[in-house]
Amino acid sequence: MATPVDPDFRARLAALNDKFAATVPATLDKIRAALALCVAGGGQPPQDALHQLHEVLHGVAGSAGTFGFTVFGQEARRIEQMVRAVLNGQGAWAPVVPEVEKLLAWAARDAKASHYD
């Protein structure tokens, strides 16, 4: 087996994973706040609120897997795509809300879990 160029690589990666894990509660708060803005008026959410929700989900989708939160990232990506469809006028908003709520509840229990239920 080849010796890594950087012998401290695994230690630094573990530190980054820990740092990401520490941000999960704040990230969930951001998702929760963006969802609240989306549902505040009832009916179709304002575009800026949808953009905010999309942005935070996109951030999770893009980084979670790198730091060992694979399922969290996959589910965020799936819901992000639902939000994007709403933004583009090609999807319904109503199914998004329970999906975001389910993601929030699941991630609050264990965002690093390997199964999504």
Foldseek 3Di string as FASTA:
>chain_A
DDDDPDNCVVVVLLVVLVVVVVCLVVLLVQLVVLLCQQPVVHDGGDLVSLVSNLVSLVVCLVPVVSSQLPVLNVLSVVLSVQSVCVSVVNHDDVVSNVSSVQSSVQVVVPSNDPDRD
